[in-house]
Amino acid sequence: MFALFLLDRVRTEVVSLAGFGAGALLDLVPVPEIFSGLSDPAFVTVVEMLLIVIAIGRTALPGRLSMLLAARRLSERQVLAVL
């Protein structure tokens, strides 16, 4: 599984779900324990952050912002202040 994450040829979600399935099918971890961490607040926060990043990435906002900053020829400090 770790090699699949490193190679980045298969989507991360697919590798994760395959790991859950393999753990359950091979009786490496009891099924209730496999999904017990999904209700943890830290996990929920990470998932929410990933969804926000994906949503922003699908919009034209990052491209527009970079073009705007490039057109104004701001210094590095000014760009950091804007970000």
PDB file of N, CA and C in Angstrom:
ATOM      1  N   MET A   1       0.811  -1.187   0.000  1.00  0.00           N
ATOM      2  CA  MET A   1       0.000   0.000   0.000  1.00  0.00           C
ATOM      3  C   MET A   1       0.863   1.263   0.000  1.00  0.00           C
ATOM      4  N   PHE A   2       1.901   1.249   0.835  1.00  0.00           N
ATOM      5  CA  PHE A   2       2.755   2.429   0.935  1.00  0.00           C
ATOM      6  C   PHE A   2       3.409   2.728  -0.409  1.00  0.00           C
ATOM      7  N   ALA A   3       3.795   1.690  -1.133  1.00  0.00           N
ATOM      8  CA  ALA A   3       4.415   1.886  -2.444  1.00  0.00           C
ATOM      9  C   ALA A   3       3.428   2.525  -3.421  1.00  0.00           C
ATOM     10  N   LEU A   4       2.160   2.134  -3.338  1.00  0.00           N
ATOM     11  CA  LEU A   4       1.153   2.739  -4.218  1.00  0.00           C
ATOM     12  C   LEU A   4       0.967   4.219  -3.911  1.00  0.00           C
ATOM     13  N   PHE A   5       1.031   4.574  -2.624  1.00  0.00           N
ATOM     14  CA  PHE A   5       0.962   5.991  -2.268  1.00  0.00           C
ATOM     15  C   PHE A   5       2.160   6.739  -2.840  1.00  0.00           C
ATOM     16  N   LEU A   6       3.340   6.147  -2.736  1.00  0.00           N
ATOM     17  CA  LEU A   6       4.554   6.806  -3.206  1.00  0.00           C
ATOM     18  C   LEU A   6       4.587   6.949  -4.724  1.00  0.00           C
ATOM     19  N   LEU A   7       4.136   5.931  -5.435  1.00  0.00           N
ATOM     20  CA  LEU A   7       4.173   5.979  -6.895  1.00  0.00           C
ATOM     21  C   LEU A   7       3.197   7.004  -7.462  1.00  0.00           C
ATOM     22  N   ASP A   8       2.123   7.248  -6.749  1.00  0.00           N
ATOM     23  CA  ASP A   8       1.124   8.260  -7.132  1.00  0.00           C
ATOM     24  C   ASP A   8       0.541   8.015  -8.527  1.00  0.00           C
ATOM     25  N   ARG A   9       0.404   6.753  -8.885  1.00  0.00           N
ATOM     26  CA  ARG A   9      -0.206   6.399 -10.165  1.00  0.00           C
ATOM     27  C   ARG A   9      -1.693   6.085  -9.998  1.00  0.00           C
ATOM     28  N   VAL A  10      -2.069   5.716  -8.793  1.00  0.00           N
ATOM     29  CA  VAL A  10      -3.459   5.403  -8.486  1.00  0.00           C
ATOM     30  C   VAL A  10      -3.940   6.483  -7.519  1.00  0.00           C
ATOM     31  N   ARG A  11      -5.175   6.901  -7.670  1.00  0.00           N
ATOM     32  CA  ARG A  11      -5.712   7.955  -6.797  1.00  0.00           C
ATOM     33  C   ARG A  11      -5.590   7.551  -5.330  1.00  0.00           C
ATOM     34  N   THR A  12      -5.301   8.537  -4.502  1.00  0.00           N
ATOM     35  CA  THR A  12      -5.087   8.302  -3.079  1.00  0.00           C
ATOM     36  C   THR A  12      -6.313   7.671  -2.432  1.00  0.00           C
ATOM     37  N   GLU A  13      -7.495   8.114  -2.824  1.00  0.00           N
ATOM     38  CA  GLU A  13      -8.722   7.586  -2.247  1.00  0.00           C
ATOM     39  C   GLU A  13      -8.886   6.102  -2.545  1.00  0.00           C
ATOM     40  N   VAL A  14      -8.536   5.717  -3.763  1.00  0.00           N
ATOM     41  CA  VAL A  14      -8.662   4.318  -4.170  1.00  0.00           C
ATOM     42  C   VAL A  14      -7.697   3.447  -3.375  1.00  0.00           C
ATOM     43  N   VAL A  15      -6.471   3.926  -3.210  1.00  0.00           N
ATOM     44  CA  VAL A  15      -5.480   3.163  -2.440  1.00  0.00           C
ATOM     45  C   VAL A  15      -5.929   3.024  -0.989  1.00  0.00           C
ATOM     46  N   SER A  16      -6.456   4.096  -0.417  1.00  0.00           N
ATOM     47  CA  SER A  16      -6.923   4.056   0.971  1.00  0.00           C
ATOM     48  C   SER A  16      -8.071   3.069   1.155  1.00  0.00           C
ATOM     49  N   LEU A  17      -9.043   3.150   0.258  1.00  0.00           N
ATOM     50  CA  LEU A  17     -10.179   2.232   0.356  1.00  0.00           C
ATOM     51  C   LEU A  17      -9.751   0.782   0.126  1.00  0.00           C
ATOM     52  N   ALA A  18      -8.792   0.575  -0.771  1.00  0.00           N
ATOM     53  CA  ALA A  18      -8.268  -0.776  -0.990  1.00  0.00           C
ATOM     54  C   ALA A  18      -7.573  -1.291   0.265  1.00  0.00           C
ATOM     55  N   GLY A  19      -6.876  -0.404   0.953  1.00  0.00           N
ATOM     56  CA  GLY A  19      -6.233  -0.792   2.214  1.00  0.00           C
ATOM     57  C   GLY A  19      -7.250  -1.167   3.272  1.00  0.00           C
ATOM     58  N   PHE A  20      -8.340  -0.384   3.363  1.00  0.00           N
ATOM     59  CA  PHE A  20      -9.418  -0.725   4.296  1.00  0.00           C
ATOM     60  C   PHE A  20      -9.985  -2.100   3.962  1.00  0.00           C
ATOM     61  N   GLY A  21     -10.262  -2.297   2.669  1.00  0.00           N
ATOM     62  CA  GLY A  21     -10.836  -3.574   2.238  1.00  0.00           C
ATOM     63  C   GLY A  21      -9.901  -4.747   2.477  1.00  0.00           C
ATOM     64  N   ALA A  22      -8.624  -4.567   2.176  1.00  0.00           N
ATOM     65  CA  ALA A  22      -7.657  -5.648   2.384  1.00  0.00           C
ATOM     66  C   ALA A  22      -7.527  -5.975   3.868  1.00  0.00           C
ATOM     67  N   GLY A  23      -7.511  -4.964   4.703  1.00  0.00           N
ATOM     68  CA  GLY A  23      -7.422  -5.199   6.150  1.00  0.00           C
ATOM     69  C   GLY A  23      -8.615  -5.968   6.671  1.00  0.00           C
ATOM     70  N   ALA A  24      -9.793  -5.665   6.142  1.00  0.00           N
ATOM     71  CA  ALA A  24     -11.005  -6.361   6.572  1.00  0.00           C
ATOM     72  C   ALA A  24     -11.051  -7.783   6.024  1.00  0.00           C
ATOM     73  N   LEU A  25     -10.726  -7.954   4.739  1.00  0.00           N
ATOM     74  CA  LEU A  25     -10.799  -9.282   4.124  1.00  0.00           C
ATOM     75  C   LEU A  25      -9.773 -10.255   4.691  1.00  0.00           C
ATOM     76  N   LEU A  26      -8.606  -9.753   5.020  1.00  0.00           N
ATOM     77  CA  LEU A  26      -7.547 -10.617   5.553  1.00  0.00           C
ATOM     78  C   LEU A  26      -7.612 -10.757   7.071  1.00  0.00           C
ATOM     79  N   ASP A  27      -8.626 -10.207   7.689  1.00  0.00           N
ATOM     80  CA  ASP A  27      -8.812 -10.236   9.145  1.00  0.00           C
ATOM     81  C   ASP A  27      -7.596  -9.703   9.898  1.00  0.00           C
ATOM     82  N   LEU A  28      -6.935  -8.699   9.316  1.00  0.00           N
ATOM     83  CA  LEU A  28      -5.805  -8.074  10.001  1.00  0.00           C
ATOM     84  C   LEU A  28      -6.291  -7.149  11.112  1.00  0.00           C
ATOM     85  N   VAL A  29      -7.433  -6.549  10.877  1.00  0.00           N
ATOM     86  CA  VAL A  29      -8.037  -5.630  11.845  1.00  0.00           C
ATOM     87  C   VAL A  29      -9.533  -5.926  11.881  1.00  0.00           C
ATOM     88  N   PRO A  30     -10.123  -5.973  13.071  1.00  0.00           N
ATOM     89  CA  PRO A  30     -11.582  -6.182  13.125  1.00  0.00           C
ATOM     90  C   PRO A  30     -12.316  -5.035  12.407  1.00  0.00           C
ATOM     91  N   VAL A  31     -13.386  -5.371  11.714  1.00  0.00           N
ATOM     92  CA  VAL A  31     -14.109  -4.403  10.897  1.00  0.00           C
ATOM     93  C   VAL A  31     -14.537  -3.164  11.684  1.00  0.00           C
ATOM     94  N   PRO A  32     -15.084  -3.285  12.905  1.00  0.00           N
ATOM     95  CA  PRO A  32     -15.474  -2.058  13.627  1.00  0.00           C
ATOM     96  C   PRO A  32     -14.292  -1.126  13.896  1.00  0.00           C
ATOM     97  N   GLU A  33     -13.126  -1.686  14.102  1.00  0.00           N
ATOM     98  CA  GLU A  33     -11.950  -0.851  14.377  1.00  0.00           C
ATOM     99  C   GLU A  33     -11.425  -0.154  13.119  1.00  0.00           C
ATOM    100  N   ILE A  34     -11.679  -0.729  11.961  1.00  0.00           N
ATOM    101  CA  ILE A  34     -11.204  -0.121  10.715  1.00  0.00           C
ATOM    102  C   ILE A  34     -11.849   1.248  10.526  1.00  0.00           C
ATOM    103  N   PHE A  35     -13.115   1.345  10.798  1.00  0.00           N
ATOM    104  CA  PHE A  35     -13.842   2.585  10.550  1.00  0.00           C
ATOM    105  C   PHE A  35     -14.007   3.455  11.790  1.00  0.00           C
ATOM    106  N   SER A  36     -13.451   3.049  12.920  1.00  0.00           N
ATOM    107  CA  SER A  36     -13.635   3.822  14.153  1.00  0.00           C
ATOM    108  C   SER A  36     -12.946   5.186  14.086  1.00  0.00           C
ATOM    109  N   GLY A  37     -11.850   5.300  13.369  1.00  0.00           N
ATOM    110  CA  GLY A  37     -11.131   6.567  13.292  1.00  0.00           C
ATOM    111  C   GLY A  37     -11.773   7.593  12.382  1.00  0.00           C
ATOM    112  N   LEU A  38     -12.744   7.181  11.584  1.00  0.00           N
ATOM    113  CA  LEU A  38     -13.377   8.107  10.647  1.00  0.00           C
ATOM    114  C   LEU A  38     -14.229   9.162  11.340  1.00  0.00           C
ATOM    115  N   SER A  39     -14.591   8.939  12.583  1.00  0.00           N
ATOM    116  CA  SER A  39     -15.383   9.929  13.310  1.00  0.00           C
ATOM    117  C   SER A  39     -14.513  10.857  14.151  1.00  0.00           C
ATOM    118  N   ASP A  40     -13.214  10.663  14.115  1.00  0.00           N
ATOM    119  CA  ASP A  40     -12.293  11.502  14.876  1.00  0.00           C
ATOM    120  C   ASP A  40     -12.308  12.925  14.319  1.00  0.00           C
ATOM    121  N   PRO A  41     -12.345  13.935  15.186  1.00  0.00           N
ATOM    122  CA  PRO A  41     -12.377  15.322  14.709  1.00  0.00           C
ATOM    123  C   PRO A  41     -11.175  15.693  13.831  1.00  0.00           C
ATOM    124  N   ALA A  42     -10.023  15.137  14.105  1.00  0.00           N
ATOM    125  CA  ALA A  42      -8.844  15.440  13.285  1.00  0.00           C
ATOM    126  C   ALA A  42      -9.032  14.925  11.859  1.00  0.00           C
ATOM    127  N   PHE A  43      -9.583  13.729  11.722  1.00  0.00           N
ATOM    128  CA  PHE A  43      -9.834  13.167  10.394  1.00  0.00           C
ATOM    129  C   PHE A  43     -10.837  14.019   9.635  1.00  0.00           C
ATOM    130  N   VAL A  44     -11.905  14.416  10.314  1.00  0.00           N
ATOM    131  CA  VAL A  44     -12.934  15.235   9.678  1.00  0.00           C
ATOM    132  C   VAL A  44     -12.336  16.564   9.222  1.00  0.00           C
ATOM    133  N   THR A  45     -11.472  17.154  10.037  1.00  0.00           N
ATOM    134  CA  THR A  45     -10.835  18.423   9.675  1.00  0.00           C
ATOM    135  C   THR A  45      -9.957  18.271   8.445  1.00  0.00           C
ATOM    136  N   VAL A  46      -9.185  17.205   8.385  1.00  0.00           N
ATOM    137  CA  VAL A  46      -8.311  16.971   7.226  1.00  0.00           C
ATOM    138  C   VAL A  46      -9.145  16.781   5.965  1.00  0.00           C
ATOM    139  N   VAL A  47     -10.215  16.030   6.045  1.00  0.00           N
ATOM    140  CA  VAL A  47     -11.077  15.812   4.882  1.00  0.00           C
ATOM    141  C   VAL A  47     -11.691  17.133   4.425  1.00  0.00           C
ATOM    142  N   GLU A  48     -12.140  17.944   5.376  1.00  0.00           N
ATOM    143  CA  GLU A  48     -12.709  19.242   5.011  1.00  0.00           C
ATOM    144  C   GLU A  48     -11.678  20.134   4.330  1.00  0.00           C
ATOM    145  N   MET A  49     -10.451  20.138   4.839  1.00  0.00           N
ATOM    146  CA  MET A  49      -9.393  20.940   4.228  1.00  0.00           C
ATOM    147  C   MET A  49      -9.103  20.462   2.806  1.00  0.00           C
ATOM    148  N   LEU A  50      -9.054  19.161   2.598  1.00  0.00           N
ATOM    149  CA  LEU A  50      -8.816  18.631   1.259  1.00  0.00           C
ATOM    150  C   LEU A  50      -9.942  19.015   0.302  1.00  0.00           C
ATOM    151  N   LEU A  51     -11.167  18.973   0.781  1.00  0.00           N
ATOM    152  CA  LEU A  51     -12.296  19.369  -0.066  1.00  0.00           C
ATOM    153  C   LEU A  51     -12.228  20.848  -0.435  1.00  0.00           C
ATOM    154  N   ILE A  52     -11.831  21.684   0.507  1.00  0.00           N
ATOM    155  CA  ILE A  52     -11.693  23.114   0.221  1.00  0.00           C
ATOM    156  C   ILE A  52     -10.599  23.348  -0.809  1.00  0.00           C
ATOM    157  N   VAL A  53      -9.466  22.670  -0.644  1.00  0.00           N
ATOM    158  CA  VAL A  53      -8.355  22.827  -1.594  1.00  0.00           C
ATOM    159  C   VAL A  53      -8.763  22.370  -2.985  1.00  0.00           C
ATOM    160  N   ILE A  54      -9.469  21.252  -3.078  1.00  0.00           N
ATOM    161  CA  ILE A  54      -9.923  20.757  -4.376  1.00  0.00           C
ATOM    162  C   ILE A  54     -10.901  21.745  -5.008  1.00  0.00           C
ATOM    163  N   ALA A  55     -11.823  22.280  -4.201  1.00  0.00           N
ATOM    164  CA  ALA A  55     -12.807  23.234  -4.734  1.00  0.00           C
ATOM    165  C   ALA A  55     -12.124  24.495  -5.243  1.00  0.00           C
ATOM    166  N   ILE A  56     -11.158  25.016  -4.487  1.00  0.00           N
ATOM    167  CA  ILE A  56     -10.438  26.211  -4.928  1.00  0.00           C
ATOM    168  C   ILE A  56      -9.632  25.907  -6.190  1.00  0.00           C
ATOM    169  N   GLY A  57      -9.016  24.738  -6.237  1.00  0.00           N
ATOM    170  CA  GLY A  57      -8.227  24.359  -7.401  1.00  0.00           C
ATOM    171  C   GLY A  57      -9.053  24.226  -8.670  1.00  0.00           C
ATOM    172  N   ARG A  58     -10.301  23.841  -8.538  1.00  0.00           N
ATOM    173  CA  ARG A  58     -11.158  23.684  -9.716  1.00  0.00           C
ATOM    174  C   ARG A  58     -11.706  25.003 -10.228  1.00  0.00           C
ATOM    175  N   THR A  59     -11.660  26.019  -9.406  1.00  0.00           N
ATOM    176  CA  THR A  59     -12.084  27.343  -9.859  1.00  0.00           C
ATOM    177  C   THR A  59     -10.902  28.010 -10.539  1.00  0.00           C
ATOM    178  N   ALA A  60     -11.148  29.140 -11.132  1.00  0.00           N
ATOM    179  CA  ALA A  60     -10.070  29.880 -11.791  1.00  0.00           C
ATOM    180  C   ALA A  60      -9.396  30.852 -10.830  1.00  0.00           C
ATOM    181  N   LEU A  61      -9.767  30.817  -9.564  1.00  0.00           N
ATOM    182  CA  LEU A  61      -9.248  31.776  -8.596  1.00  0.00           C
ATOM    183  C   LEU A  61      -7.724  31.775  -8.468  1.00  0.00           C
ATOM    184  N   PRO A  62      -7.058  30.627  -8.316  1.00  0.00           N
ATOM    185  CA  PRO A  62      -5.597  30.668  -8.187  1.00  0.00           C
ATOM    186  C   PRO A  62      -4.913  31.261  -9.425  1.00  0.00           C
ATOM    187  N   GLY A  63      -5.399  30.922 -10.596  1.00  0.00           N
ATOM    188  CA  GLY A  63      -4.816  31.458 -11.824  1.00  0.00           C
ATOM    189  C   GLY A  63      -5.028  32.951 -11.945  1.00  0.00           C
ATOM    190  N   ARG A  64      -6.233  33.403 -11.627  1.00  0.00           N
ATOM    191  CA  ARG A  64      -6.521  34.840 -11.692  1.00  0.00           C
ATOM    192  C   ARG A  64      -5.671  35.618 -10.699  1.00  0.00           C
ATOM    193  N   LEU A  65      -5.535  35.086  -9.489  1.00  0.00           N
ATOM    194  CA  LEU A  65      -4.738  35.762  -8.477  1.00  0.00           C
ATOM    195  C   LEU A  65      -3.276  35.848  -8.894  1.00  0.00           C
ATOM    196  N   SER A  66      -2.745  34.772  -9.445  1.00  0.00           N
ATOM    197  CA  SER A  66      -1.344  34.801  -9.868  1.00  0.00           C
ATOM    198  C   SER A  66      -1.127  35.767 -11.030  1.00  0.00           C
ATOM    199  N   MET A  67      -2.074  35.827 -11.964  1.00  0.00           N
ATOM    200  CA  MET A  67      -1.953  36.776 -13.074  1.00  0.00           C
ATOM    201  C   MET A  67      -2.029  38.217 -12.575  1.00  0.00           C
ATOM    202  N   LEU A  68      -2.913  38.459 -11.624  1.00  0.00           N
ATOM    203  CA  LEU A  68      -3.052  39.794 -11.055  1.00  0.00           C
ATOM    204  C   LEU A  68      -1.767  40.220 -10.346  1.00  0.00           C
ATOM    205  N   LEU A  69      -1.200  39.307  -9.564  1.00  0.00           N
ATOM    206  CA  LEU A  69       0.037  39.625  -8.848  1.00  0.00           C
ATOM    207  C   LEU A  69       1.195  39.818  -9.811  1.00  0.00           C
ATOM    208  N   ALA A  70       1.250  39.026 -10.861  1.00  0.00           N
ATOM    209  CA  ALA A  70       2.331  39.155 -11.838  1.00  0.00           C
ATOM    210  C   ALA A  70       2.220  40.471 -12.605  1.00  0.00           C
ATOM    211  N   ALA A  71       1.002  40.892 -12.908  1.00  0.00           N
ATOM    212  CA  ALA A  71       0.794  42.119 -13.668  1.00  0.00           C
ATOM    213  C   ALA A  71       1.192  43.357 -12.860  1.00  0.00           C
ATOM    214  N   ARG A  72       1.056  43.276 -11.559  1.00  0.00           N
ATOM    215  CA  ARG A  72       1.381  44.428 -10.718  1.00  0.00           C
ATOM    216  C   ARG A  72       2.862  44.512 -10.362  1.00  0.00           C
ATOM    217  N   ARG A  73       3.614  43.495 -10.684  1.00  0.00           N
ATOM    218  CA  ARG A  73       5.058  43.455 -10.417  1.00  0.00           C
ATOM    219  C   ARG A  73       5.379  43.839  -8.971  1.00  0.00           C
ATOM    220  N   LEU A  74       4.735  43.141  -8.057  1.00  0.00           N
ATOM    221  CA  LEU A  74       4.941  43.394  -6.647  1.00  0.00           C
ATOM    222  C   LEU A  74       6.238  42.776  -6.156  1.00  0.00           C
ATOM    223  N   SER A  75       6.760  43.328  -5.086  1.00  0.00           N
ATOM    224  CA  SER A  75       7.960  42.745  -4.478  1.00  0.00           C
ATOM    225  C   SER A  75       7.557  41.459  -3.746  1.00  0.00           C
ATOM    226  N   GLU A  76       8.553  40.712  -3.350  1.00  0.00           N
ATOM    227  CA  GLU A  76       8.285  39.453  -2.669  1.00  0.00           C
ATOM    228  C   GLU A  76       7.530  39.701  -1.358  1.00  0.00           C
ATOM    229  N   ARG A  77       7.896  40.749  -0.634  1.00  0.00           N
ATOM    230  CA  ARG A  77       7.212  41.075   0.624  1.00  0.00           C
ATOM    231  C   ARG A  77       5.746  41.442   0.375  1.00  0.00           C
ATOM    232  N   GLN A  78       5.500  42.184  -0.680  1.00  0.00           N
ATOM    233  CA  GLN A  78       4.138  42.579  -0.995  1.00  0.00           C
ATOM    234  C   GLN A  78       3.279  41.381  -1.384  1.00  0.00           C
ATOM    235  N   VAL A  79       3.870  40.465  -2.142  1.00  0.00           N
ATOM    236  CA  VAL A  79       3.130  39.251  -2.529  1.00  0.00           C
ATOM    237  C   VAL A  79       2.786  38.436  -1.285  1.00  0.00           C
ATOM    238  N   LEU A  80       3.749  38.282  -0.388  1.00  0.00           N
ATOM    239  CA  LEU A  80       3.494  37.542   0.842  1.00  0.00           C
ATOM    240  C   LEU A  80       2.428  38.218   1.687  1.00  0.00           C
ATOM    241  N   ALA A  81       2.401  39.544   1.699  1.00  0.00           N
ATOM    242  CA  ALA A  81       1.382  40.273   2.448  1.00  0.00           C
ATOM    243  C   ALA A  81       0.007  40.037   1.855  1.00  0.00           C
ATOM    244  N   VAL A  82      -0.086  39.960   0.531  1.00  0.00           N
ATOM    245  CA  VAL A  82      -1.373  39.706  -0.125  1.00  0.00           C
ATOM    246  C   VAL A  82      -1.851  38.296   0.174  1.00  0.00           C
ATOM    247  N   LEU A  83      -0.916  37.340   0.133  1.00  0.00           N
ATOM    248  CA  LEU A  83      -1.293  35.952   0.383  1.00  0.00           C
ATOM    249  C   LEU A  83      -1.616  35.749   1.831  1.00  0.00           C
TER     250      LEU A  83
END
